[in-house]
Amino acid sequence: MDDAQALAAKASQAVRVLSETPYYQHIPQQGLHLSTKLSMKLSDRLGMVKMIHLKLGGPAGTETT
């Protein structure tokens, strides 16, 4: 899935995307092999894996804050 907004809309009208970030962005890389670090950077650069934070509301029209 390339578009988090499309994923949320497909799931339900009560789902909102709070954030979408590269998966490996905040994972510590010390102690990892160079090949692993390069794979992580490439994955993030190409958007292969993402962390998507969603807010799940109630039934349509009754979203909570």
N, C-alpha and C. Protein backbone atom coordinates (compact mmCIF):
# COMPACT_ATOMS: atom_id res chain seq x y z
N MET A 1 0.85 -1.16 0.00
CA MET A 1 0.00 0.00 0.00
C MET A 1 0.90 1.23 0.00
N ASP A 2 0.75 2.06 -1.00
CA ASP A 2 1.58 3.26 -1.12
C ASP A 2 0.98 4.47 -0.45
N ASP A 3 -0.31 4.46 -0.22
CA ASP A 3 -0.99 5.65 0.29
C ASP A 3 -1.75 5.34 1.58
N ALA A 4 -1.28 5.89 2.70
CA ALA A 4 -1.90 5.63 4.00
C ALA A 4 -3.33 6.17 4.05
N GLN A 5 -3.56 7.30 3.41
CA GLN A 5 -4.92 7.88 3.40
C GLN A 5 -5.90 6.94 2.69
N ALA A 6 -5.46 6.35 1.60
CA ALA A 6 -6.32 5.41 0.87
C ALA A 6 -6.61 4.17 1.71
N LEU A 7 -5.60 3.69 2.44
CA LEU A 7 -5.78 2.55 3.32
C LEU A 7 -6.81 2.87 4.40
N ALA A 8 -6.70 4.04 5.02
CA ALA A 8 -7.63 4.43 6.07
C ALA A 8 -9.05 4.56 5.52
N ALA A 9 -9.18 5.18 4.36
CA ALA A 9 -10.51 5.36 3.75
C ALA A 9 -11.13 4.02 3.40
N LYS A 10 -10.31 3.08 2.97
CA LYS A 10 -10.80 1.74 2.61
C LYS A 10 -11.29 0.99 3.84
N ALA A 11 -10.63 1.22 4.98
CA ALA A 11 -10.99 0.52 6.22
C ALA A 11 -12.30 1.04 6.78
N SER A 12 -12.42 2.36 6.90
CA SER A 12 -13.63 2.94 7.49
C SER A 12 -13.57 4.45 7.39
N GLN A 13 -14.72 5.08 7.40
CA GLN A 13 -14.80 6.55 7.43
C GLN A 13 -14.32 7.08 8.77
N ALA A 14 -14.32 6.26 9.80
CA ALA A 14 -13.95 6.69 11.16
C ALA A 14 -12.46 6.53 11.44
N VAL A 15 -11.67 6.14 10.45
CA VAL A 15 -10.24 5.95 10.64
C VAL A 15 -9.50 7.15 10.05
N ARG A 16 -8.58 7.72 10.85
CA ARG A 16 -7.76 8.85 10.38
C ARG A 16 -6.29 8.48 10.48
N VAL A 17 -5.50 8.98 9.56
CA VAL A 17 -4.05 8.79 9.59
C VAL A 17 -3.45 9.90 10.45
N LEU A 18 -2.75 9.51 11.52
CA LEU A 18 -2.09 10.49 12.39
C LEU A 18 -0.67 10.76 11.91
N SER A 19 0.05 9.72 11.46
CA SER A 19 1.40 9.91 10.94
C SER A 19 1.79 8.74 10.06
N GLU A 20 2.75 9.00 9.20
CA GLU A 20 3.30 7.98 8.31
C GLU A 20 4.80 8.25 8.21
N THR A 21 5.62 7.33 8.70
CA THR A 21 7.06 7.53 8.72
C THR A 21 7.79 6.30 8.20
N PRO A 22 9.01 6.50 7.70
CA PRO A 22 9.81 5.34 7.29
C PRO A 22 10.03 4.41 8.49
N TYR A 23 9.95 3.12 8.26
CA TYR A 23 9.98 2.14 9.35
C TYR A 23 11.28 2.15 10.13
N TYR A 24 12.42 2.21 9.44
CA TYR A 24 13.71 2.07 10.11
C TYR A 24 14.30 3.40 10.58
N GLN A 25 13.58 4.48 10.40
CA GLN A 25 14.09 5.82 10.70
C GLN A 25 14.63 5.96 12.12
N HIS A 26 13.96 5.43 13.11
CA HIS A 26 14.34 5.64 14.50
C HIS A 26 14.94 4.39 15.16
N ILE A 27 15.30 3.40 14.37
CA ILE A 27 15.88 2.18 14.93
C ILE A 27 17.40 2.35 15.03
N PRO A 28 17.97 2.14 16.21
CA PRO A 28 19.43 2.29 16.37
C PRO A 28 20.17 1.32 15.46
N GLN A 29 21.26 1.80 14.85
CA GLN A 29 21.99 0.98 13.90
C GLN A 29 23.37 0.54 14.40
N GLN A 30 23.75 0.98 15.59
CA GLN A 30 25.06 0.57 16.09
C GLN A 30 25.10 -0.94 16.30
N GLY A 31 26.22 -1.52 15.93
CA GLY A 31 26.40 -2.96 16.10
C GLY A 31 25.87 -3.79 14.94
N LEU A 32 25.23 -3.16 13.96
CA LEU A 32 24.71 -3.91 12.81
C LEU A 32 25.76 -3.98 11.71
N HIS A 33 25.69 -5.01 10.89
CA HIS A 33 26.60 -5.13 9.75
C HIS A 33 26.30 -4.04 8.73
N LEU A 34 27.30 -3.67 7.96
CA LEU A 34 27.14 -2.64 6.94
C LEU A 34 26.03 -2.99 5.96
N SER A 35 25.95 -4.26 5.56
CA SER A 35 24.92 -4.67 4.61
C SER A 35 23.52 -4.46 5.18
N THR A 36 23.37 -4.69 6.47
CA THR A 36 22.07 -4.48 7.13
C THR A 36 21.72 -3.00 7.15
N LYS A 37 22.71 -2.17 7.49
CA LYS A 37 22.49 -0.72 7.51
C LYS A 37 22.09 -0.19 6.14
N LEU A 38 22.79 -0.68 5.11
CA LEU A 38 22.47 -0.25 3.74
C LEU A 38 21.07 -0.70 3.33
N SER A 39 20.71 -1.91 3.70
CA SER A 39 19.36 -2.41 3.39
C SER A 39 18.28 -1.57 4.07
N MET A 40 18.54 -1.18 5.32
CA MET A 40 17.59 -0.35 6.05
C MET A 40 17.44 1.01 5.39
N LYS A 41 18.57 1.63 5.02
CA LYS A 41 18.54 2.94 4.37
C LYS A 41 17.81 2.87 3.03
N LEU A 42 18.11 1.84 2.25
CA LEU A 42 17.47 1.67 0.95
C LEU A 42 15.96 1.47 1.10
N SER A 43 15.58 0.65 2.05
CA SER A 43 14.16 0.40 2.31
C SER A 43 13.43 1.69 2.66
N ASP A 44 14.03 2.50 3.53
CA ASP A 44 13.42 3.77 3.90
C ASP A 44 13.36 4.73 2.71
N ARG A 45 14.44 4.80 1.95
CA ARG A 45 14.51 5.72 0.82
C ARG A 45 13.46 5.38 -0.24
N LEU A 46 13.26 4.10 -0.49
CA LEU A 46 12.30 3.67 -1.51
C LEU A 46 10.88 3.52 -0.98
N GLY A 47 10.71 3.74 0.32
CA GLY A 47 9.37 3.64 0.91
C GLY A 47 8.82 2.23 0.92
N MET A 48 9.71 1.25 1.07
CA MET A 48 9.29 -0.15 1.02
C MET A 48 8.52 -0.58 2.26
N VAL A 49 8.88 -0.01 3.42
CA VAL A 49 8.23 -0.35 4.68
C VAL A 49 7.92 0.95 5.40
N LYS A 50 6.70 1.10 5.91
CA LYS A 50 6.31 2.31 6.60
C LYS A 50 5.62 1.98 7.92
N MET A 51 5.72 2.90 8.85
CA MET A 51 4.97 2.81 10.09
C MET A 51 3.82 3.81 9.96
N ILE A 52 2.62 3.30 10.06
CA ILE A 52 1.44 4.15 9.92
C ILE A 52 0.68 4.14 11.24
N HIS A 53 0.49 5.32 11.82
CA HIS A 53 -0.28 5.44 13.06
C HIS A 53 -1.68 5.91 12.69
N LEU A 54 -2.66 5.15 13.13
CA LEU A 54 -4.06 5.45 12.82
C LEU A 54 -4.83 5.80 14.08
N LYS A 55 -5.85 6.61 13.91
CA LYS A 55 -6.79 6.89 15.00
C LYS A 55 -8.09 6.21 14.61
N LEU A 56 -8.54 5.32 15.48
CA LEU A 56 -9.78 4.59 15.21
C LEU A 56 -10.91 5.27 15.95
N GLY A 57 -11.89 5.74 15.23
CA GLY A 57 -13.04 6.39 15.83
C GLY A 57 -14.18 5.40 16.03
N GLY A 58 -15.29 5.91 16.51
CA GLY A 58 -16.48 5.08 16.69
C GLY A 58 -17.19 4.93 15.36
N PRO A 59 -18.46 4.58 15.40
CA PRO A 59 -19.24 4.49 14.17
C PRO A 59 -19.21 5.83 13.42
N ALA A 60 -19.39 5.79 12.13
CA ALA A 60 -19.32 7.00 11.29
C ALA A 60 -20.17 8.11 11.88
N GLY A 61 -19.58 9.29 11.98
CA GLY A 61 -20.29 10.45 12.51
C GLY A 61 -20.21 10.60 14.00
N THR A 62 -19.60 9.66 14.73
CA THR A 62 -19.51 9.76 16.19
C THR A 62 -18.06 9.68 16.64
N GLU A 63 -17.15 10.24 15.86
CA GLU A 63 -15.74 10.18 16.20
C GLU A 63 -15.45 10.85 17.52
N THR A 64 -14.58 10.21 18.30
CA THR A 64 -14.19 10.77 19.61
C THR A 64 -12.87 11.49 19.49
N THR A 65 -12.58 12.37 20.42
CA THR A 65 -11.31 13.11 20.39
C THR A 65 -10.33 12.53 21.37
